Amino acid sequence: YISDPMTPALDALLCQRHPQLFQHRHADPQTCAMGWGLQCGDGWFDLIDILCESLQQETEHGDAPQAVAMQVKQKWGRLRFSVESATERQQAMIDLAEALSARLCEQCGKPGKMQSIKGFRTVRGEEHASTQP
């Protein structure tokens, strides 16, 4: 089971809010995985949005280089947010967001638990616990 991509409207909203981070969003998928879009559920939208705000804040008001998303996906039930360039502080922000994703339903963003559905790990809240992919 591979997560369905984020809905086009939310994908576009993240790209609109964070154009520097998602500058490779429409790249050729053969050269950059970001061309496939955000390969995770809508439930992680807020988590990703807040992460992007924090990463950009570090660039604009700190001495961090511009982080550029190379791939955003769900793997082993958790968010994977890969960037081209990040300081230790920015990487710590990414690590925290990835850890928090293991407790948020990938479909709705409410608290959830790691489950195995058809042999694949995913985080689901009570509302979506029985939903099969």
C-alpha atoms as a PDB file:
ATOM      1  CA  TYR A   1       0.000   0.000   0.000  1.00  0.00           C
ATOM      2  CA  ILE A   2       1.346   3.364  -1.015  1.00  0.00           C
ATOM      3  CA  SER A   3      -0.417   6.427   0.311  1.00  0.00           C
ATOM      4  CA  ASP A   4      -2.669   8.243  -2.059  1.00  0.00           C
ATOM      5  CA  PRO A   5      -1.182  11.609  -2.899  1.00  0.00           C
ATOM      6  CA  MET A   6      -2.387  14.667  -1.053  1.00  0.00           C
ATOM      7  CA  THR A   7      -5.459  16.156  -2.732  1.00  0.00           C
ATOM      8  CA  PRO A   8      -4.557  18.620  -5.492  1.00  0.00           C
ATOM      9  CA  ALA A   9      -6.075  21.596  -3.655  1.00  0.00           C
ATOM     10  CA  LEU A  10      -4.002  21.027  -0.494  1.00  0.00           C
ATOM     11  CA  ASP A  11      -0.876  20.219  -2.522  1.00  0.00           C
ATOM     12  CA  ALA A  12      -1.312  23.505  -4.416  1.00  0.00           C
ATOM     13  CA  LEU A  13      -1.931  25.432  -1.192  1.00  0.00           C
ATOM     14  CA  LEU A  14       1.337  24.194   0.348  1.00  0.00           C
ATOM     15  CA  CYS A  15       3.201  25.136  -2.831  1.00  0.00           C
ATOM     16  CA  GLN A  16       1.555  28.576  -2.841  1.00  0.00           C
ATOM     17  CA  ARG A  17       2.402  29.204   0.835  1.00  0.00           C
ATOM     18  CA  HIS A  18       5.965  27.880   0.569  1.00  0.00           C
ATOM     19  CA  PRO A  19       7.184  28.427  -3.006  1.00  0.00           C
ATOM     20  CA  GLN A  20      10.887  28.408  -2.091  1.00  0.00           C
ATOM     21  CA  LEU A  21      10.607  25.070  -0.316  1.00  0.00           C
ATOM     22  CA  PHE A  22       8.555  23.479  -3.083  1.00  0.00           C
ATOM     23  CA  GLN A  23      10.399  24.975  -6.054  1.00  0.00           C
ATOM     24  CA  HIS A  24      10.857  21.458  -7.521  1.00  0.00           C
ATOM     25  CA  ARG A  25       7.173  20.506  -7.123  1.00  0.00           C
ATOM     26  CA  HIS A  26       6.562  20.363 -10.868  1.00  0.00           C
ATOM     27  CA  ALA A  27       9.949  18.959 -11.854  1.00  0.00           C
ATOM     28  CA  ASP A  28      10.239  15.897 -14.038  1.00  0.00           C
ATOM     29  CA  PRO A  29       9.583  12.942 -11.683  1.00  0.00           C
ATOM     30  CA  GLN A  30      12.483  11.128 -13.371  1.00  0.00           C
ATOM     31  CA  THR A  31      14.920  13.748 -12.054  1.00  0.00           C
ATOM     32  CA  CYS A  32      13.295  14.774  -8.755  1.00  0.00           C
ATOM     33  CA  ALA A  33      10.787  12.807  -6.668  1.00  0.00           C
ATOM     34  CA  MET A  34       9.034  16.067  -5.761  1.00  0.00           C
ATOM     35  CA  GLY A  35       7.560  15.932  -9.268  1.00  0.00           C
ATOM     36  CA  TRP A  36       5.263  13.151  -8.014  1.00  0.00           C
ATOM     37  CA  GLY A  37       3.714  15.575  -5.521  1.00  0.00           C
ATOM     38  CA  LEU A  38       3.165  15.098  -1.819  1.00  0.00           C
ATOM     39  CA  GLN A  39       2.793  11.340  -1.401  1.00  0.00           C
ATOM     40  CA  CYS A  40       0.978  11.351   1.935  1.00  0.00           C
ATOM     41  CA  GLY A  41      -2.545  11.826   3.193  1.00  0.00           C
ATOM     42  CA  ASP A  42      -4.370  15.089   3.761  1.00  0.00           C
ATOM     43  CA  GLY A  43      -4.290  14.532   7.524  1.00  0.00           C
ATOM     44  CA  TRP A  44      -0.663  15.618   7.648  1.00  0.00           C
ATOM     45  CA  PHE A  45      -1.302  18.932   5.855  1.00  0.00           C
ATOM     46  CA  ASP A  46      -1.117  21.057   9.036  1.00  0.00           C
ATOM     47  CA  LEU A  47       1.992  19.237  10.265  1.00  0.00           C
ATOM     48  CA  ILE A  48       3.764  19.825   6.943  1.00  0.00           C
ATOM     49  CA  ASP A  49       2.554  23.434   6.753  1.00  0.00           C
ATOM     50  CA  ILE A  50       3.899  24.242  10.226  1.00  0.00           C
ATOM     51  CA  LEU A  51       7.175  22.469   9.443  1.00  0.00           C
ATOM     52  CA  CYS A  52       7.564  24.515   6.261  1.00  0.00           C
ATOM     53  CA  GLU A  53       6.847  27.759   8.129  1.00  0.00           C
ATOM     54  CA  SER A  54       9.529  26.874  10.670  1.00  0.00           C
ATOM     55  CA  LEU A  55      12.097  25.900   8.035  1.00  0.00           C
ATOM     56  CA  GLN A  56      11.491  29.105   6.083  1.00  0.00           C
ATOM     57  CA  GLN A  57      11.691  31.191   9.265  1.00  0.00           C
ATOM     58  CA  GLU A  58      15.178  29.796   9.842  1.00  0.00           C
ATOM     59  CA  THR A  59      16.209  30.875   6.350  1.00  0.00           C
ATOM     60  CA  GLU A  60      14.680  34.343   6.483  1.00  0.00           C
ATOM     61  CA  HIS A  61      15.594  35.265  10.055  1.00  0.00           C
ATOM     62  CA  GLY A  62      18.501  32.989  10.822  1.00  0.00           C
ATOM     63  CA  ASP A  63      21.596  32.008   8.961  1.00  0.00           C
ATOM     64  CA  ALA A  64      20.184  28.823   7.433  1.00  0.00           C
ATOM     65  CA  PRO A  65      20.388  28.098   3.718  1.00  0.00           C
ATOM     66  CA  GLN A  66      17.160  27.744   1.748  1.00  0.00           C
ATOM     67  CA  ALA A  67      15.795  24.264   2.407  1.00  0.00           C
ATOM     68  CA  VAL A  68      14.334  22.758  -0.773  1.00  0.00           C
ATOM     69  CA  ALA A  69      11.996  19.768  -0.585  1.00  0.00           C
ATOM     70  CA  MET A  70      13.198  16.847  -2.686  1.00  0.00           C
ATOM     71  CA  GLN A  71      10.576  14.308  -1.545  1.00  0.00           C
ATOM     72  CA  VAL A  72       7.602  14.288   0.811  1.00  0.00           C
ATOM     73  CA  LYS A  73       5.977  10.915   1.413  1.00  0.00           C
ATOM     74  CA  GLN A  74       4.735   8.354   3.885  1.00  0.00           C
ATOM     75  CA  LYS A  75       7.115   5.502   4.565  1.00  0.00           C
ATOM     76  CA  TRP A  76       6.677   2.795   7.194  1.00  0.00           C
ATOM     77  CA  GLY A  77       3.662   4.745   8.468  1.00  0.00           C
ATOM     78  CA  ARG A  78       5.585   7.964   9.114  1.00  0.00           C
ATOM     79  CA  LEU A  79       6.221  11.195   7.268  1.00  0.00           C
ATOM     80  CA  ARG A  80       9.489  11.365   5.331  1.00  0.00           C
ATOM     81  CA  PHE A  81      10.457  14.927   4.460  1.00  0.00           C
ATOM     82  CA  SER A  82      13.695  15.005   2.467  1.00  0.00           C
ATOM     83  CA  VAL A  83      15.389  18.308   1.711  1.00  0.00           C
ATOM     84  CA  GLU A  84      18.329  19.347  -0.418  1.00  0.00           C
ATOM     85  CA  SER A  85      19.948  21.554   2.195  1.00  0.00           C
ATOM     86  CA  ALA A  86      19.369  21.839   5.951  1.00  0.00           C
ATOM     87  CA  THR A  87      21.240  22.958   9.033  1.00  0.00           C
ATOM     88  CA  GLU A  88      21.309  20.784  12.150  1.00  0.00           C
ATOM     89  CA  ARG A  89      18.527  22.921  13.613  1.00  0.00           C
ATOM     90  CA  GLN A  90      16.387  22.551  10.484  1.00  0.00           C
ATOM     91  CA  GLN A  91      17.020  18.808  10.431  1.00  0.00           C
ATOM     92  CA  ALA A  92      15.901  18.636  14.072  1.00  0.00           C
ATOM     93  CA  MET A  93      12.636  20.340  13.045  1.00  0.00           C
ATOM     94  CA  ILE A  94      12.175  17.752  10.296  1.00  0.00           C
ATOM     95  CA  ASP A  95      12.960  14.909  12.707  1.00  0.00           C
ATOM     96  CA  LEU A  96      10.356  16.224  15.168  1.00  0.00           C
ATOM     97  CA  ALA A  97       7.672  16.516  12.473  1.00  0.00           C
ATOM     98  CA  GLU A  98       8.444  12.992  11.290  1.00  0.00           C
ATOM     99  CA  ALA A  99       8.161  11.693  14.862  1.00  0.00           C
ATOM    100  CA  LEU A 100       4.859  13.520  15.425  1.00  0.00           C
ATOM    101  CA  SER A 101       3.437  12.010  12.236  1.00  0.00           C
ATOM    102  CA  ALA A 102       3.574   8.582  13.900  1.00  0.00           C
ATOM    103  CA  ARG A 103       0.804   9.802  16.235  1.00  0.00           C
ATOM    104  CA  LEU A 104      -1.442  11.645  13.752  1.00  0.00           C
ATOM    105  CA  CYS A 105      -4.025   9.994  11.507  1.00  0.00           C
ATOM    106  CA  GLU A 106      -2.757  10.350   7.968  1.00  0.00           C
ATOM    107  CA  GLN A 107      -6.326  10.752   6.722  1.00  0.00           C
ATOM    108  CA  CYS A 108      -7.718  13.390   9.112  1.00  0.00           C
ATOM    109  CA  GLY A 109      -4.866  14.647  11.330  1.00  0.00           C
ATOM    110  CA  LYS A 110      -6.500  13.670  14.614  1.00  0.00           C
ATOM    111  CA  PRO A 111      -4.588  11.590  17.175  1.00  0.00           C
ATOM    112  CA  GLY A 112      -3.969   8.101  15.898  1.00  0.00           C
ATOM    113  CA  LYS A 113      -2.044   4.900  16.404  1.00  0.00           C
ATOM    114  CA  MET A 114       0.268   2.947  14.164  1.00  0.00           C
ATOM    115  CA  GLN A 115      -1.534   0.012  12.567  1.00  0.00           C
ATOM    116  CA  SER A 116      -0.827  -2.648  10.017  1.00  0.00           C
ATOM    117  CA  ILE A 117      -3.364  -2.827   7.196  1.00  0.00           C
ATOM    118  CA  LYS A 118      -2.812  -5.521   4.575  1.00  0.00           C
ATOM    119  CA  GLY A 119       0.780  -5.775   5.797  1.00  0.00           C
ATOM    120  CA  PHE A 120       1.538  -2.049   5.490  1.00  0.00           C
ATOM    121  CA  ARG A 121       2.075   0.333   8.374  1.00  0.00           C
ATOM    122  CA  THR A 122      -0.124   3.411   8.616  1.00  0.00           C
ATOM    123  CA  VAL A 123      -1.362   5.750  11.334  1.00  0.00           C
ATOM    124  CA  ARG A 124      -5.107   5.830  11.797  1.00  0.00           C
ATOM    125  CA  GLY A 125      -7.392   7.560  14.270  1.00  0.00           C
ATOM    126  CA  GLU A 126     -10.534   5.988  15.687  1.00  0.00           C
ATOM    127  CA  GLU A 127     -12.707   7.261  12.796  1.00  0.00           C
ATOM    128  CA  HIS A 128     -10.478   5.655  10.190  1.00  0.00           C
ATOM    129  CA  ALA A 129      -9.198   2.609  12.085  1.00  0.00           C
ATOM    130  CA  SER A 130     -11.253   0.176  10.060  1.00  0.00           C
ATOM    131  CA  THR A 131     -10.789   1.948   6.727  1.00  0.00           C
ATOM    132  CA  GLN A 132      -8.926  -0.288   4.348  1.00  0.00           C
ATOM    133  CA  PRO A 133      -6.707   1.346   1.736  1.00  0.00           C
END
